[in-house]
Amino acid sequence: MKIHKIKNIILFAFLAILLNGCTETYPLLTNTYEEIIVVEATLTNELKNQEIKITKTSRFEDDGIEPETGAKVVVKDDQNNEYLFEENAGTYKSQTAFAAAPDRQYTLEITTKDRKIYQSTPQTLTAVNPIESVVPSLATNKNNETGIQINVNSYDENKSSKYYRYEYEETYKIVAPRWNSLKIIATGPQTVALINNDPSTRICYSTQKSSDIILVNTNNQTEDRVNLPIRFIQEDNYIIGHRYSILVKQYIENLEAYTFHRILRDIAGSSSILSPKQPGLLSGNIKCISDSNTKVIGFFDVASYSETRIFFNYNDFFPAKPAPYFNTCEDIPFLFCFAGEGCEGETMIYNINRNLMTYIGNSALNYRLVDAECGDCTSFSSNIIPSFWTE
């Protein structure tokens, strides 16, 4: 749930209503501001340390998101069990691992350091229905671009799931296309030397998380079946240039949670706050029970969860094509001298000292360098192999 990404949009909506009818340019500064806590909480049937994120709304001119610190956070069930959460790196994590169980009601309670008490309505675990499969295939998108289409499939023969939310994490292998066994270093203001390069700068791994709210509703279908195109990657995108993995996460929600996320998605995706499209009121299931005038944004969701990870290589689908690069990686020549026409020694040393370029080759004083990411993948990625990675 990416609530914090749209809360400034919500504040802008309030501002836009006040300014309705104005035609002159208006500076986007927050003249009136009400601090509201924002709660991101999805409890699942995974046995793990559950996480809850609590932040504050921000002004347009603010940088970053401020967490709500010093809160007491507890999840209670209808069997008198309590699960305490403690602050950990900007989030609240349960002190013990637990999983949401069927036929139990769970309630979230938050007491902030200013002694305001927030409470959710009771929520129960939704139908448990694991992902059937995640399938990559060669495809062409609506723009007639060739690439890999990744679909997630799910099916509930009992027709009890209906409301699905998806997220994904993609991890991909990067091989520096112009890596060299030699590395150039500056040994003085006007001198350089070649040394053996570190092999660990050649292969890296990067991970990105989905940012969109991805929803599926099968309520109007004859079957409770999902066949969702969750990700399309063009064939010239370097992230699939070697080996690629995607972890697809499925949450089955109730109608109330699905409606909340649908409105949240529509607000975040609206091209204009003044558009005739009216996504609806963002009303969650959390209230301040100690002060009815205090507002809160968020939803406490108890959802069944499943995940599936797949891997594929670029040559599985494009065996005759070279791997796409993230950069043209062209050689950039430097004349290594410091006096006279065409001398570029100072510029070359500047780029070397700041790790902006890497060595390719040289002939006497004529050096060839490339952008750092072409010869050293650690300049923008990590060379640590993920624990789940397989070749």
Protein backbone atom coordinates (compact mmCIF):
# COMPACT_ATOMS: atom_id res chain seq x y z
CA MET A 1 0.00 0.00 0.00
CA LYS A 2 1.72 3.20 -1.21
CA ILE A 3 -0.35 5.76 0.68
CA HIS A 4 2.54 8.13 1.35
CA LYS A 5 3.09 8.63 -2.38
CA ILE A 6 -0.28 10.33 -2.87
CA LYS A 7 -0.91 12.22 0.33
CA ASN A 8 0.49 15.43 -1.12
CA ILE A 9 -1.95 14.98 -3.98
CA ILE A 10 -4.78 14.74 -1.46
CA LEU A 11 -3.66 17.97 0.20
CA PHE A 12 -3.42 19.59 -3.22
CA ALA A 13 -7.00 18.52 -3.92
CA PHE A 14 -8.19 20.40 -0.83
CA LEU A 15 -6.18 23.43 -1.97
CA ALA A 16 -7.58 23.19 -5.50
CA ILE A 17 -11.14 23.26 -4.18
CA LEU A 18 -10.41 26.48 -2.29
CA LEU A 19 -8.89 28.01 -5.41
CA ASN A 20 -11.61 26.87 -7.81
CA GLY A 21 -12.30 29.61 -10.34
CA CYS A 22 -8.86 31.24 -10.14
CA THR A 23 -7.15 31.67 -13.49
CA GLU A 24 -3.93 33.36 -12.42
CA THR A 25 -0.77 31.42 -11.63
CA TYR A 26 -0.66 30.29 -8.02
CA PRO A 27 2.53 29.28 -6.20
CA LEU A 28 2.30 25.68 -4.96
CA LEU A 29 2.98 26.39 -1.30
CA THR A 30 0.92 25.13 1.61
CA ASN A 31 -0.81 28.13 3.16
CA THR A 32 -2.90 25.99 5.49
CA TYR A 33 -1.59 22.70 6.80
CA GLU A 34 -3.10 20.06 9.02
CA GLU A 35 -0.80 17.32 10.24
CA ILE A 36 -2.46 13.93 9.83
CA ILE A 37 -0.98 10.52 10.51
CA VAL A 38 -0.87 8.07 7.63
CA VAL A 39 -1.09 4.35 8.39
CA GLU A 40 0.06 1.58 6.03
CA ALA A 41 -0.84 -1.78 7.57
CA THR A 42 -1.36 -5.13 5.88
CA LEU A 43 -1.45 -8.15 8.18
CA THR A 44 -1.02 -11.46 6.32
CA ASN A 45 -1.12 -15.19 6.93
CA GLU A 46 2.67 -15.37 6.55
CA LEU A 47 4.51 -16.45 9.68
CA LYS A 48 6.81 -13.46 10.05
CA ASN A 49 7.43 -10.26 11.97
CA GLN A 50 4.53 -8.22 10.64
CA GLU A 51 5.19 -4.57 9.71
CA ILE A 52 3.17 -1.38 10.07
CA LYS A 53 4.29 1.98 8.74
CA ILE A 54 3.10 5.23 10.33
CA THR A 55 4.07 8.57 8.81
CA LYS A 56 2.76 12.12 8.70
CA THR A 57 1.29 14.17 5.89
CA SER A 58 3.69 16.67 4.40
CA ARG A 59 3.56 20.09 2.77
CA PHE A 60 4.31 20.63 -0.93
CA GLU A 61 7.54 22.37 -0.03
CA ASP A 62 8.74 19.65 2.37
CA ASP A 63 11.52 17.26 1.44
CA GLY A 64 10.87 13.62 2.27
CA ILE A 65 8.36 11.94 4.54
CA GLU A 66 8.49 12.28 8.32
CA PRO A 67 7.77 9.11 10.32
CA GLU A 68 5.52 9.12 13.35
CA THR A 69 7.88 8.12 16.14
CA GLY A 70 7.30 7.10 19.74
CA ALA A 71 3.92 5.45 19.16
CA LYS A 72 2.61 2.40 20.98
CA VAL A 73 1.33 -0.05 18.37
CA VAL A 74 -0.57 -3.25 19.14
CA VAL A 75 -2.69 -5.73 17.19
CA LYS A 76 -5.35 -7.53 19.20
CA ASP A 77 -7.51 -10.50 18.27
CA ASP A 78 -10.83 -11.75 19.61
CA GLN A 79 -9.08 -14.53 21.58
CA ASN A 80 -7.45 -11.95 23.90
CA ASN A 81 -4.07 -12.27 22.19
CA GLU A 82 -2.01 -9.10 21.83
CA TYR A 83 0.90 -8.59 19.47
CA LEU A 84 3.14 -5.67 20.39
CA PHE A 85 5.09 -3.74 17.77
CA GLU A 86 8.32 -1.82 18.24
CA GLU A 87 10.04 0.86 16.17
CA ASN A 88 12.64 -0.43 13.77
CA ALA A 89 14.26 1.72 11.06
CA GLY A 90 11.25 3.92 10.40
CA THR A 91 8.64 1.18 10.64
CA TYR A 92 6.96 -0.74 13.45
CA LYS A 93 7.65 -4.48 13.54
CA SER A 94 5.97 -7.08 15.72
CA GLN A 95 8.19 -8.24 18.56
CA THR A 96 7.35 -11.85 17.74
CA ALA A 97 6.58 -13.57 14.46
CA PHE A 98 2.92 -14.46 13.95
CA ALA A 99 0.48 -15.16 11.14
CA ALA A 100 -3.12 -14.05 10.77
CA ALA A 101 -5.35 -17.06 11.36
CA PRO A 102 -8.74 -17.84 9.82
CA ASP A 103 -11.93 -17.17 11.81
CA ARG A 104 -10.28 -14.58 14.03
CA GLN A 105 -10.93 -10.88 14.21
CA TYR A 106 -7.98 -8.51 14.40
CA THR A 107 -7.95 -4.89 15.49
CA LEU A 108 -5.12 -2.38 15.18
CA GLU A 109 -4.63 0.14 17.97
CA ILE A 110 -2.15 3.02 17.88
CA THR A 111 -1.41 5.43 20.72
CA THR A 112 0.75 8.34 19.59
CA LYS A 113 3.15 10.21 21.83
CA ASP A 114 0.62 13.05 22.11
CA ARG A 115 -1.74 10.45 23.69
CA LYS A 116 -4.19 10.25 20.84
CA ILE A 117 -5.66 6.79 20.36
CA TYR A 118 -6.44 5.40 16.91
CA GLN A 119 -8.34 2.17 16.35
CA SER A 120 -9.38 0.16 13.32
CA THR A 121 -12.57 -1.76 12.79
CA PRO A 122 -12.17 -5.54 13.33
CA GLN A 123 -10.89 -7.39 10.28
CA THR A 124 -10.79 -11.10 9.42
CA LEU A 125 -8.49 -13.06 7.13
CA THR A 126 -9.73 -13.40 3.56
CA ALA A 127 -9.92 -16.63 1.55
CA VAL A 128 -6.59 -18.41 1.15
CA ASN A 129 -5.88 -18.93 -2.55
CA PRO A 130 -2.26 -19.20 -3.76
CA ILE A 131 -0.95 -17.96 -7.11
CA GLU A 132 -1.22 -20.64 -9.77
CA SER A 133 1.62 -19.47 -11.98
CA VAL A 134 3.68 -16.56 -13.27
CA VAL A 135 4.41 -16.92 -16.98
CA PRO A 136 6.74 -14.90 -19.26
CA SER A 137 6.12 -14.94 -23.01
CA LEU A 138 7.29 -13.18 -26.15
CA ALA A 139 4.70 -10.54 -27.05
CA THR A 140 3.96 -7.24 -28.76
CA ASN A 141 2.36 -4.41 -26.83
CA LYS A 142 -0.22 -1.86 -27.98
CA ASN A 143 2.57 0.37 -29.33
CA ASN A 144 3.76 -2.49 -31.55
CA GLU A 145 6.91 -2.93 -29.44
CA THR A 146 8.34 -6.41 -29.01
CA GLY A 147 9.25 -7.61 -25.54
CA ILE A 148 8.49 -9.99 -22.70
CA GLN A 149 4.96 -10.05 -21.29
CA ILE A 150 4.72 -11.43 -17.74
CA ASN A 151 1.30 -12.67 -16.63
CA VAL A 152 0.13 -13.84 -13.22
CA ASN A 153 -2.55 -16.52 -13.03
CA SER A 154 -4.83 -17.43 -10.15
CA TYR A 155 -8.03 -19.45 -9.79
CA ASP A 156 -10.48 -20.01 -6.96
CA GLU A 157 -12.97 -22.77 -7.69
CA ASN A 158 -14.98 -21.72 -4.64
CA LYS A 159 -15.43 -18.19 -6.03
CA SER A 160 -14.57 -16.72 -2.62
CA SER A 161 -11.49 -14.60 -3.44
CA LYS A 162 -12.80 -12.02 -5.96
CA TYR A 163 -10.68 -9.02 -4.91
CA TYR A 164 -6.96 -9.19 -5.65
CA ARG A 165 -4.08 -6.77 -5.15
CA TYR A 166 -0.64 -7.35 -6.63
CA GLU A 167 2.89 -6.08 -6.11
CA TYR A 168 6.17 -7.26 -7.58
CA GLU A 169 9.91 -7.01 -7.07
CA GLU A 170 12.20 -7.45 -10.04
CA THR A 171 15.87 -8.31 -9.72
CA TYR A 172 18.24 -8.41 -12.65
CA LYS A 173 21.83 -9.28 -13.36
CA ILE A 174 24.07 -6.58 -14.80
CA VAL A 175 27.33 -7.32 -16.60
CA ALA A 176 29.48 -4.24 -17.23
CA PRO A 177 29.81 -4.34 -21.04
CA ARG A 178 33.21 -2.58 -21.20
CA TRP A 179 34.86 -4.01 -18.09
CA ASN A 180 38.65 -4.17 -18.34
CA SER A 181 41.12 -6.25 -16.37
CA LEU A 182 43.16 -3.09 -15.87
CA LYS A 183 42.19 0.00 -13.94
CA ILE A 184 43.65 3.48 -14.23
CA ILE A 185 44.45 5.54 -11.14
CA ALA A 186 45.94 8.98 -10.62
CA THR A 187 49.25 8.76 -8.78
CA GLY A 188 49.85 12.50 -8.73
CA PRO A 189 48.58 15.79 -10.12
CA GLN A 190 49.93 14.92 -13.56
CA THR A 191 50.68 11.19 -13.43
CA VAL A 192 48.65 8.01 -13.79
CA ALA A 193 49.26 4.28 -13.48
CA LEU A 194 47.56 1.05 -14.51
CA ILE A 195 46.79 -1.57 -11.85
CA ASN A 196 44.84 -4.83 -11.81
CA ASN A 197 41.12 -4.22 -11.71
CA ASP A 198 38.84 -5.75 -9.09
CA PRO A 199 36.81 -8.58 -10.75
CA SER A 200 33.90 -7.89 -8.39
CA THR A 201 33.18 -4.66 -10.29
CA ARG A 202 32.07 -6.58 -13.39
CA ILE A 203 28.83 -8.32 -12.31
CA CYS A 204 26.10 -6.71 -10.21
CA TYR A 205 22.46 -7.17 -9.22
CA SER A 206 19.76 -4.53 -8.92
CA THR A 207 16.28 -4.74 -7.42
CA GLN A 208 13.27 -2.50 -8.04
CA LYS A 209 9.81 -2.64 -6.49
CA SER A 210 6.55 -1.88 -8.26
CA SER A 211 5.03 1.47 -7.39
CA ASP A 212 1.57 1.20 -8.93
CA ILE A 213 -1.51 -0.09 -7.12
CA ILE A 214 -2.40 -3.18 -9.17
CA LEU A 215 -5.94 -4.44 -8.61
CA VAL A 216 -8.15 -7.14 -10.13
CA ASN A 217 -11.86 -7.70 -9.46
CA THR A 218 -13.39 -10.97 -10.72
CA ASN A 219 -16.82 -10.26 -9.25
CA ASN A 220 -18.42 -9.82 -12.68
CA GLN A 221 -16.80 -12.89 -14.24
CA THR A 222 -18.35 -16.33 -14.55
CA GLU A 223 -15.23 -17.77 -12.88
CA ASP A 224 -13.01 -16.45 -10.10
CA ARG A 225 -10.01 -16.55 -12.41
CA VAL A 226 -7.13 -14.09 -12.87
CA ASN A 227 -4.96 -13.85 -15.97
CA LEU A 228 -3.27 -10.49 -15.42
CA PRO A 229 -0.54 -8.90 -17.59
CA ILE A 230 1.45 -7.54 -14.65
CA ARG A 231 4.66 -6.43 -16.41
CA PHE A 232 5.80 -5.76 -19.98
CA ILE A 233 9.52 -5.26 -20.68
CA GLN A 234 10.74 -4.11 -24.09
CA GLU A 235 13.36 -6.27 -25.74
CA ASP A 236 15.92 -3.43 -25.72
CA ASN A 237 15.58 -2.82 -21.97
CA TYR A 238 18.90 -3.68 -20.34
CA ILE A 239 17.23 -5.13 -17.21
CA ILE A 240 16.50 -8.36 -19.14
CA GLY A 241 19.83 -8.27 -20.98
CA HIS A 242 21.31 -11.18 -19.05
CA ARG A 243 19.29 -12.89 -16.31
CA TYR A 244 16.07 -11.52 -14.83
CA SER A 245 13.86 -12.53 -11.91
CA ILE A 246 10.48 -11.29 -10.77
CA LEU A 247 8.77 -12.01 -7.45
CA VAL A 248 5.00 -11.52 -7.77
CA LYS A 249 3.05 -10.95 -4.54
CA GLN A 250 -0.68 -11.56 -4.32
CA TYR A 251 -2.98 -10.20 -1.61
CA ILE A 252 -6.62 -11.28 -1.46
CA GLU A 253 -8.68 -8.49 0.04
CA ASN A 254 -12.22 -7.94 1.20
CA LEU A 255 -14.51 -5.51 -0.63
CA GLU A 256 -13.82 -2.68 1.83
CA ALA A 257 -10.04 -2.90 1.41
CA TYR A 258 -10.35 -3.27 -2.36
CA THR A 259 -12.55 -0.17 -2.56
CA PHE A 260 -10.06 1.83 -0.49
CA HIS A 261 -7.17 0.83 -2.74
CA ARG A 262 -9.19 1.45 -5.91
CA ILE A 263 -9.98 5.02 -4.83
CA LEU A 264 -6.36 5.51 -3.77
CA ARG A 265 -5.20 4.31 -7.20
CA ASP A 266 -7.67 6.56 -9.00
CA ILE A 267 -6.58 9.62 -7.02
CA ALA A 268 -2.91 8.89 -7.62
CA GLY A 269 -3.48 8.23 -11.32
CA SER A 270 -5.71 11.21 -12.03
CA SER A 271 -4.15 13.41 -14.72
CA SER A 272 -5.74 16.51 -13.21
CA ILE A 273 -7.25 17.28 -9.83
CA LEU A 274 -9.83 19.41 -11.68
CA SER A 275 -10.72 16.56 -14.02
CA PRO A 276 -14.42 15.67 -14.27
CA LYS A 277 -13.46 12.19 -13.09
CA GLN A 278 -14.40 11.95 -9.43
CA PRO A 279 -12.70 8.94 -7.81
CA GLY A 280 -14.59 9.30 -4.52
CA LEU A 281 -13.89 9.98 -0.87
CA LEU A 282 -10.80 8.31 0.59
CA SER A 283 -12.32 6.80 3.70
CA GLY A 284 -10.37 4.18 5.62
CA ASN A 285 -11.25 1.91 8.52
CA ILE A 286 -9.11 3.66 11.16
CA LYS A 287 -10.52 6.37 13.45
CA CYS A 288 -9.21 8.48 16.30
CA ILE A 289 -11.34 7.26 19.20
CA SER A 290 -9.93 9.75 21.70
CA ASP A 291 -10.79 12.81 19.59
CA SER A 292 -13.45 12.59 16.89
CA ASN A 293 -12.15 15.78 15.26
CA THR A 294 -8.72 14.28 14.57
CA LYS A 295 -8.32 12.90 11.03
CA VAL A 296 -6.33 9.88 9.93
CA ILE A 297 -5.51 8.41 6.51
CA GLY A 298 -5.05 4.69 6.15
CA PHE A 299 -6.44 1.20 6.17
CA PHE A 300 -5.81 -1.84 8.34
CA ASP A 301 -5.93 -4.78 5.94
CA VAL A 302 -5.89 -8.48 6.90
CA ALA A 303 -5.21 -10.30 3.65
CA SER A 304 -4.18 -13.79 2.62
CA TYR A 305 -0.86 -13.75 0.82
CA SER A 306 1.06 -15.83 -1.67
CA GLU A 307 4.08 -15.25 -3.85
CA THR A 308 5.84 -16.82 -6.82
CA ARG A 309 9.30 -16.12 -8.20
CA ILE A 310 10.49 -16.94 -11.71
CA PHE A 311 13.78 -16.50 -13.61
CA PHE A 312 14.60 -16.25 -17.29
CA ASN A 313 17.55 -15.31 -19.49
CA TYR A 314 17.59 -12.92 -22.43
CA ASN A 315 18.69 -15.64 -24.83
CA ASP A 316 15.69 -17.79 -23.82
CA PHE A 317 13.59 -15.42 -25.93
CA PHE A 318 16.15 -13.64 -28.15
CA PRO A 319 18.85 -16.24 -28.88
CA ALA A 320 20.24 -14.46 -31.94
CA LYS A 321 20.45 -10.94 -30.49
CA PRO A 322 23.22 -9.33 -28.43
CA ALA A 323 22.35 -8.20 -24.91
CA PRO A 324 21.03 -4.62 -24.75
CA TYR A 325 23.14 -2.05 -22.89
CA PHE A 326 22.03 0.72 -20.56
CA ASN A 327 24.44 3.13 -22.23
CA THR A 328 26.00 3.56 -25.67
CA CYS A 329 29.36 2.95 -23.94
CA GLU A 330 31.38 4.72 -26.61
CA ASP A 331 35.11 5.27 -26.22
CA ILE A 332 36.02 8.82 -25.19
CA PRO A 333 39.59 9.80 -26.19
CA PHE A 334 41.93 11.92 -24.05
CA LEU A 335 45.32 13.32 -24.96
CA PHE A 336 47.25 12.98 -21.70
CA CYS A 337 49.30 16.16 -21.61
CA PHE A 338 49.09 19.42 -19.70
CA ALA A 339 50.52 22.12 -21.94
CA GLY A 340 49.82 22.83 -25.53
CA GLU A 341 46.90 22.61 -27.91
CA GLY A 342 44.52 19.68 -27.39
CA CYS A 343 45.89 18.63 -23.99
CA GLU A 344 43.24 17.01 -21.77
CA GLY A 345 45.28 15.68 -18.86
CA GLU A 346 43.53 17.75 -16.20
CA THR A 347 40.10 16.69 -17.43
CA MET A 348 41.14 13.05 -17.55
CA ILE A 349 42.50 13.06 -13.99
CA TYR A 350 39.36 14.87 -12.80
CA ASN A 351 37.20 12.05 -14.20
CA ILE A 352 39.47 9.34 -12.78
CA ASN A 353 39.60 10.79 -9.26
CA ARG A 354 35.81 11.10 -9.11
CA ASN A 355 35.21 7.62 -10.55
CA LEU A 356 33.28 9.11 -13.45
CA MET A 357 35.11 7.11 -16.12
CA THR A 358 36.98 3.81 -16.44
CA TYR A 359 39.93 2.70 -18.56
CA ILE A 360 39.63 0.90 -21.90
CA GLY A 361 43.03 1.25 -23.51
CA ASN A 362 45.78 3.57 -24.62
CA SER A 363 48.51 4.08 -27.16
CA ALA A 364 51.30 6.19 -25.70
CA LEU A 365 49.61 9.37 -24.40
CA ASN A 366 46.32 8.73 -26.21
CA TYR A 367 43.98 7.20 -23.64
CA ARG A 368 40.48 5.83 -24.17
CA LEU A 369 37.96 5.88 -21.33
CA VAL A 370 34.25 5.10 -21.03
CA ASP A 371 31.51 6.21 -18.65
CA ALA A 372 31.96 4.53 -15.27
CA GLU A 373 28.76 2.44 -15.44
CA CYS A 374 30.06 0.80 -18.64
CA GLY A 375 33.18 -0.53 -16.94
CA ASP A 376 32.22 -0.68 -13.25
CA CYS A 377 28.69 -1.80 -12.40
CA THR A 378 29.22 -0.97 -8.72
CA SER A 379 29.06 2.69 -9.72
CA PHE A 380 25.27 2.37 -9.78
CA SER A 381 24.41 -1.13 -8.51
CA SER A 382 25.42 -3.76 -5.95
CA ASN A 383 27.79 -6.65 -6.49
CA ILE A 384 26.26 -8.67 -3.63
CA ILE A 385 24.53 -11.79 -4.97
CA PRO A 386 20.94 -11.96 -3.60
CA SER A 387 20.30 -14.94 -1.33
CA PHE A 388 17.53 -16.25 -3.61
CA TRP A 389 19.54 -15.96 -6.83
CA THR A 390 20.09 -19.04 -8.99
CA GLU A 391 21.79 -19.42 -12.34
